[in-house]
C-alpha atoms as a PDB file:
ATOM      1  CA  MET A   1      17.066  10.908  -2.741  1.00  0.00           C
ATOM      2  CA  PRO A   2      14.394   8.839  -4.542  1.00  0.00           C
ATOM      3  CA  LEU A   3      14.690   5.095  -4.309  1.00  0.00           C
ATOM      4  CA  PRO A   4      14.848   3.115  -7.534  1.00  0.00           C
ATOM      5  CA  GLY A   5      11.581   1.308  -7.714  1.00  0.00           C
ATOM      6  CA  PRO A   6       9.917  -0.868  -6.997  1.00  0.00           C
ATOM      7  CA  VAL A   7      11.094  -0.685  -3.408  1.00  0.00           C
ATOM      8  CA  GLY A   8      11.200  -4.118  -1.860  1.00  0.00           C
ATOM      9  CA  PRO A   9       9.771  -7.229  -3.409  1.00  0.00           C
ATOM     10  CA  THR A  10       8.056  -7.520  -6.740  1.00  0.00           C
ATOM     11  CA  ASP A  11       5.371  -9.964  -7.712  1.00  0.00           C
ATOM     12  CA  PRO A  12       6.199 -13.158  -9.577  1.00  0.00           C
ATOM     13  CA  PRO A  13       5.449 -13.231 -13.306  1.00  0.00           C
ATOM     14  CA  SER A  14       2.341 -15.391 -12.761  1.00  0.00           C
ATOM     15  CA  TRP A  15       0.656 -12.492 -10.951  1.00  0.00           C
ATOM     16  CA  GLY A  16       0.185 -10.675 -14.242  1.00  0.00           C
ATOM     17  CA  ASN A  17      -2.292 -13.312 -15.416  1.00  0.00           C
ATOM     18  CA  ARG A  18      -4.781 -12.655 -12.612  1.00  0.00           C
ATOM     19  CA  PRO A  19      -7.582 -10.106 -12.992  1.00  0.00           C
ATOM     20  CA  THR A  20      -6.790  -6.973 -10.982  1.00  0.00           C
ATOM     21  CA  TYR A  21      -9.732  -4.771 -11.867  1.00  0.00           C
ATOM     22  CA  SER A  22     -13.318  -4.446 -10.848  1.00  0.00           C
ATOM     23  CA  VAL A  23     -15.984  -3.762 -13.434  1.00  0.00           C
ATOM     24  CA  GLY A  24     -18.085  -0.817 -12.355  1.00  0.00           C
ATOM     25  CA  VAL A  25     -15.614   0.584  -9.806  1.00  0.00           C
ATOM     26  CA  ASP A  26     -14.627   4.023 -11.000  1.00  0.00           C
ATOM     27  CA  ARG A  27     -11.690   6.211 -10.021  1.00  0.00           C
ATOM     28  CA  GLY A  28     -13.728   8.171  -7.494  1.00  0.00           C
ATOM     29  CA  GLU A  29     -14.720   5.009  -5.639  1.00  0.00           C
ATOM     30  CA  LYS A  30     -11.116   3.784  -5.603  1.00  0.00           C
ATOM     31  CA  VAL A  31      -9.837   7.144  -4.329  1.00  0.00           C
ATOM     32  CA  ALA A  32     -12.479   7.244  -1.578  1.00  0.00           C
ATOM     33  CA  SER A  33     -11.605   3.674  -0.596  1.00  0.00           C
ATOM     34  CA  LEU A  34      -7.876   4.422  -0.374  1.00  0.00           C
ATOM     35  CA  GLU A  35      -8.415   7.663   1.545  1.00  0.00           C
ATOM     36  CA  ARG A  36     -10.425   5.657   4.071  1.00  0.00           C
ATOM     37  CA  ALA A  37      -7.723   2.957   4.185  1.00  0.00           C
ATOM     38  CA  TYR A  38      -5.005   5.500   5.022  1.00  0.00           C
ATOM     39  CA  ARG A  39      -7.163   6.983   7.810  1.00  0.00           C
ATOM     40  CA  LEU A  40      -7.717   3.497   9.221  1.00  0.00           C
ATOM     41  CA  PHE A  41      -3.990   2.722   8.989  1.00  0.00           C
ATOM     42  CA  ASN A  42      -3.078   5.895  10.868  1.00  0.00           C
ATOM     43  CA  GLU A  43      -5.677   4.960  13.517  1.00  0.00           C
ATOM     44  CA  ARG A  44      -4.221   1.392  13.684  1.00  0.00           C
ATOM     45  CA  ARG A  45      -7.609  -0.184  12.875  1.00  0.00           C
ATOM     46  CA  ILE A  46      -6.257  -3.426  11.430  1.00  0.00           C
ATOM     47  CA  ASP A  47      -9.548  -5.346  11.320  1.00  0.00           C
ATOM     48  CA  ASP A  48     -11.282  -2.572   9.375  1.00  0.00           C
ATOM     49  CA  LEU A  49      -8.337  -2.361   6.960  1.00  0.00           C
ATOM     50  CA  LEU A  50      -8.275  -6.083   6.321  1.00  0.00           C
ATOM     51  CA  ALA A  51     -12.006  -6.000   5.557  1.00  0.00           C
ATOM     52  CA  MET A  52     -11.149  -3.772   2.561  1.00  0.00           C
ATOM     53  CA  MET A  53      -8.932  -6.488   1.014  1.00  0.00           C
ATOM     54  CA  ILE A  54      -9.433  -9.788  -0.778  1.00  0.00           C
ATOM     55  CA  ASP A  55      -8.505 -12.881   1.225  1.00  0.00           C
ATOM     56  CA  ASP A  56      -5.345 -13.623  -0.790  1.00  0.00           C
ATOM     57  CA  ILE A  57      -4.105 -10.013  -0.786  1.00  0.00           C
ATOM     58  CA  ARG A  58      -0.449  -9.502  -1.779  1.00  0.00           C
ATOM     59  CA  TRP A  59       1.343  -6.869   0.303  1.00  0.00           C
ATOM     60  CA  PRO A  60       5.001  -5.814   0.420  1.00  0.00           C
ATOM     61  CA  ASP A  61       7.116  -6.273   3.528  1.00  0.00           C
ATOM     62  CA  VAL A  62       9.690  -3.743   2.337  1.00  0.00           C
ATOM     63  CA  PRO A  63      12.164  -4.078   5.249  1.00  0.00           C
ATOM     64  CA  HIS A  64      12.449  -7.837   4.701  1.00  0.00           C
ATOM     65  CA  GLY A  65      12.228  -7.746   0.885  1.00  0.00           C
ATOM     66  CA  ILE A  66       9.335 -10.190   0.621  1.00  0.00           C
ATOM     67  CA  VAL A  67       5.721 -10.178  -0.535  1.00  0.00           C
ATOM     68  CA  LEU A  68       3.199 -11.232   2.090  1.00  0.00           C
ATOM     69  CA  GLU A  69       0.148 -13.161   0.985  1.00  0.00           C
ATOM     70  CA  GLY A  70      -3.122 -13.328   2.861  1.00  0.00           C
ATOM     71  CA  LYS A  71      -4.758 -11.369   5.636  1.00  0.00           C
ATOM     72  CA  PRO A  72      -3.201 -13.318   8.549  1.00  0.00           C
ATOM     73  CA  ALA A  73       0.321 -12.528   7.295  1.00  0.00           C
ATOM     74  CA  ILE A  74      -0.499  -8.849   6.912  1.00  0.00           C
ATOM     75  CA  ARG A  75      -2.053  -8.727  10.393  1.00  0.00           C
ATOM     76  CA  ARG A  76       1.149 -10.150  11.924  1.00  0.00           C
ATOM     77  CA  TYR A  77       3.264  -7.713   9.901  1.00  0.00           C
ATOM     78  CA  TRP A  78       1.261  -4.657  11.002  1.00  0.00           C
ATOM     79  CA  GLU A  79       1.085  -5.764  14.639  1.00  0.00           C
ATOM     80  CA  ALA A  80       4.869  -6.160  14.725  1.00  0.00           C
ATOM     81  CA  GLN A  81       5.368  -2.833  12.910  1.00  0.00           C
ATOM     82  CA  PHE A  82       3.032  -0.919  15.226  1.00  0.00           C
ATOM     83  CA  ALA A  83       4.743  -2.416  18.315  1.00  0.00           C
ATOM     84  CA  VAL A  84       8.012  -0.607  17.525  1.00  0.00           C
ATOM     85  CA  THR A  85       7.133   2.312  15.228  1.00  0.00           C
ATOM     86  CA  ALA A  86       4.313   4.758  14.647  1.00  0.00           C
ATOM     87  CA  PRO A  87       4.154   5.306  10.886  1.00  0.00           C
ATOM     88  CA  HIS A  88       1.953   8.112   9.611  1.00  0.00           C
ATOM     89  CA  VAL A  89       1.051   8.126   5.914  1.00  0.00           C
ATOM     90  CA  VAL A  90      -1.039  10.713   4.106  1.00  0.00           C
ATOM     91  CA  PRO A  91      -2.095  10.523   0.454  1.00  0.00           C
ATOM     92  CA  THR A  92      -1.489  13.813  -1.339  1.00  0.00           C
ATOM     93  CA  GLY A  93      -2.620  12.727  -4.800  1.00  0.00           C
ATOM     94  CA  PHE A  94      -3.734   9.829  -6.948  1.00  0.00           C
ATOM     95  CA  VAL A  95      -2.823   8.772 -10.500  1.00  0.00           C
ATOM     96  CA  GLU A  96      -4.669   6.183 -12.595  1.00  0.00           C
ATOM     97  CA  VAL A  97      -2.535   3.616 -14.394  1.00  0.00           C
ATOM     98  CA  ASP A  98      -4.698   1.292 -16.452  1.00  0.00           C
ATOM     99  CA  ASP A  99      -6.985  -0.350 -13.869  1.00  0.00           C
ATOM    100  CA  ASP A 100      -4.604   0.409 -10.985  1.00  0.00           C
ATOM    101  CA  LEU A 101      -4.406   3.504  -8.830  1.00  0.00           C
ATOM    102  CA  VAL A 102      -1.153   5.038  -7.578  1.00  0.00           C
ATOM    103  CA  ALA A 103      -1.287   6.962  -4.306  1.00  0.00           C
ATOM    104  CA  VAL A 104       1.332   9.669  -3.754  1.00  0.00           C
ATOM    105  CA  ILE A 105       2.198   9.341  -0.056  1.00  0.00           C
ATOM    106  CA  ASP A 106       3.761  11.733   2.450  1.00  0.00           C
ATOM    107  CA  GLN A 107       5.412   9.247   4.815  1.00  0.00           C
ATOM    108  CA  ARG A 108       6.726   9.910   8.304  1.00  0.00           C
ATOM    109  CA  ILE A 109       8.012   7.208  10.627  1.00  0.00           C
ATOM    110  CA  PHE A 110       8.068   7.904  14.367  1.00  0.00           C
ATOM    111  CA  ASP A 111       9.147   5.837  17.344  1.00  0.00           C
ATOM    112  CA  GLN A 112       6.653   5.051  20.090  1.00  0.00           C
ATOM    113  CA  GLY A 113       7.675   8.262  21.876  1.00  0.00           C
ATOM    114  CA  GLY A 114       6.725  10.404  18.885  1.00  0.00           C
ATOM    115  CA  HIS A 115      10.281  11.155  17.748  1.00  0.00           C
ATOM    116  CA  LEU A 116      10.939  11.145  14.014  1.00  0.00           C
ATOM    117  CA  LEU A 117      13.110   8.133  13.100  1.00  0.00           C
ATOM    118  CA  MET A 118      13.998   9.240   9.566  1.00  0.00           C
ATOM    119  CA  GLU A 119      13.521  12.200   7.310  1.00  0.00           C
ATOM    120  CA  PRO A 120       9.990  12.579   5.931  1.00  0.00           C
ATOM    121  CA  SER A 121       9.720  11.148   2.442  1.00  0.00           C
ATOM    122  CA  VAL A 122       7.401  10.792  -0.505  1.00  0.00           C
ATOM    123  CA  VAL A 123       6.708   7.264  -1.719  1.00  0.00           C
ATOM    124  CA  TYR A 124       4.301   5.848  -4.270  1.00  0.00           C
ATOM    125  CA  HIS A 125       1.894   3.014  -3.467  1.00  0.00           C
ATOM    126  CA  ARG A 126       0.351   1.280  -6.468  1.00  0.00           C
ATOM    127  CA  TYR A 127      -2.894  -0.592  -5.828  1.00  0.00           C
ATOM    128  CA  SER A 128      -4.793  -3.202  -7.789  1.00  0.00           C
ATOM    129  CA  PHE A 129      -8.438  -4.009  -7.111  1.00  0.00           C
ATOM    130  CA  THR A 130     -10.604  -7.099  -7.521  1.00  0.00           C
ATOM    131  CA  THR A 131     -14.381  -6.866  -7.096  1.00  0.00           C
ATOM    132  CA  GLY A 132     -13.981  -3.483  -5.420  1.00  0.00           C
ATOM    133  CA  LEU A 133     -11.456  -4.733  -2.842  1.00  0.00           C
ATOM    134  CA  ILE A 134      -7.718  -4.132  -2.670  1.00  0.00           C
ATOM    135  CA  SER A 135      -5.896  -7.131  -4.135  1.00  0.00           C
ATOM    136  CA  ARG A 136      -2.282  -5.935  -4.293  1.00  0.00           C
ATOM    137  CA  MET A 137      -0.054  -3.082  -3.205  1.00  0.00           C
ATOM    138  CA  THR A 138       3.450  -2.335  -4.454  1.00  0.00           C
ATOM    139  CA  VAL A 139       5.771   0.403  -3.158  1.00  0.00           C
ATOM    140  CA  PHE A 140       7.861   2.562  -5.493  1.00  0.00           C
ATOM    141  CA  GLY A 141      10.450   5.219  -4.789  1.00  0.00           C
ATOM    142  CA  THR A 142       9.721   7.360  -7.843  1.00  0.00           C
ATOM    143  CA  ARG A 143       6.585   8.492  -9.620  1.00  0.00           C
ATOM    144  CA  GLU A 144       8.044   7.426 -12.955  1.00  0.00           C
ATOM    145  CA  ASP A 145       8.484   3.840 -11.792  1.00  0.00           C
ATOM    146  CA  ALA A 146       5.065   3.762 -10.141  1.00  0.00           C
ATOM    147  CA  VAL A 147       3.156   4.864 -13.246  1.00  0.00           C
ATOM    148  CA  THR A 148       4.949   2.594 -15.706  1.00  0.00           C
ATOM    149  CA  PRO A 149       2.390  -0.016 -16.843  1.00  0.00           C
END
């Protein structure tokens, strides 16, 4: 069953006033960047992932219903996540929404022994970019919610 979206925290109203686009970065560059990011995530290469983000990146901590801000907070979040689970996420498509890009994600969450913890699901990750780097990610449970400007 699709989750009503966004799943987890949403950004405060002041976020909408910040630039979230990068002049000269086209869809193809954004897609290539996100495909690389998902490979790095699945390989648990945190340092390489964080290098693809602005310093004050905003990232959802869906289980706790909060938005993390900054690379150190995201590092701690991923280290804790990878200590108890082995998530595997694969983009199966991308949709442009204004200057953002939505990734359609096949998501599977395993325990450290490789056993599936929950049914595989499809979720939607919406990304904003600043100067070619990821500046925000939001998780949605439905495509409709994810592509609504």
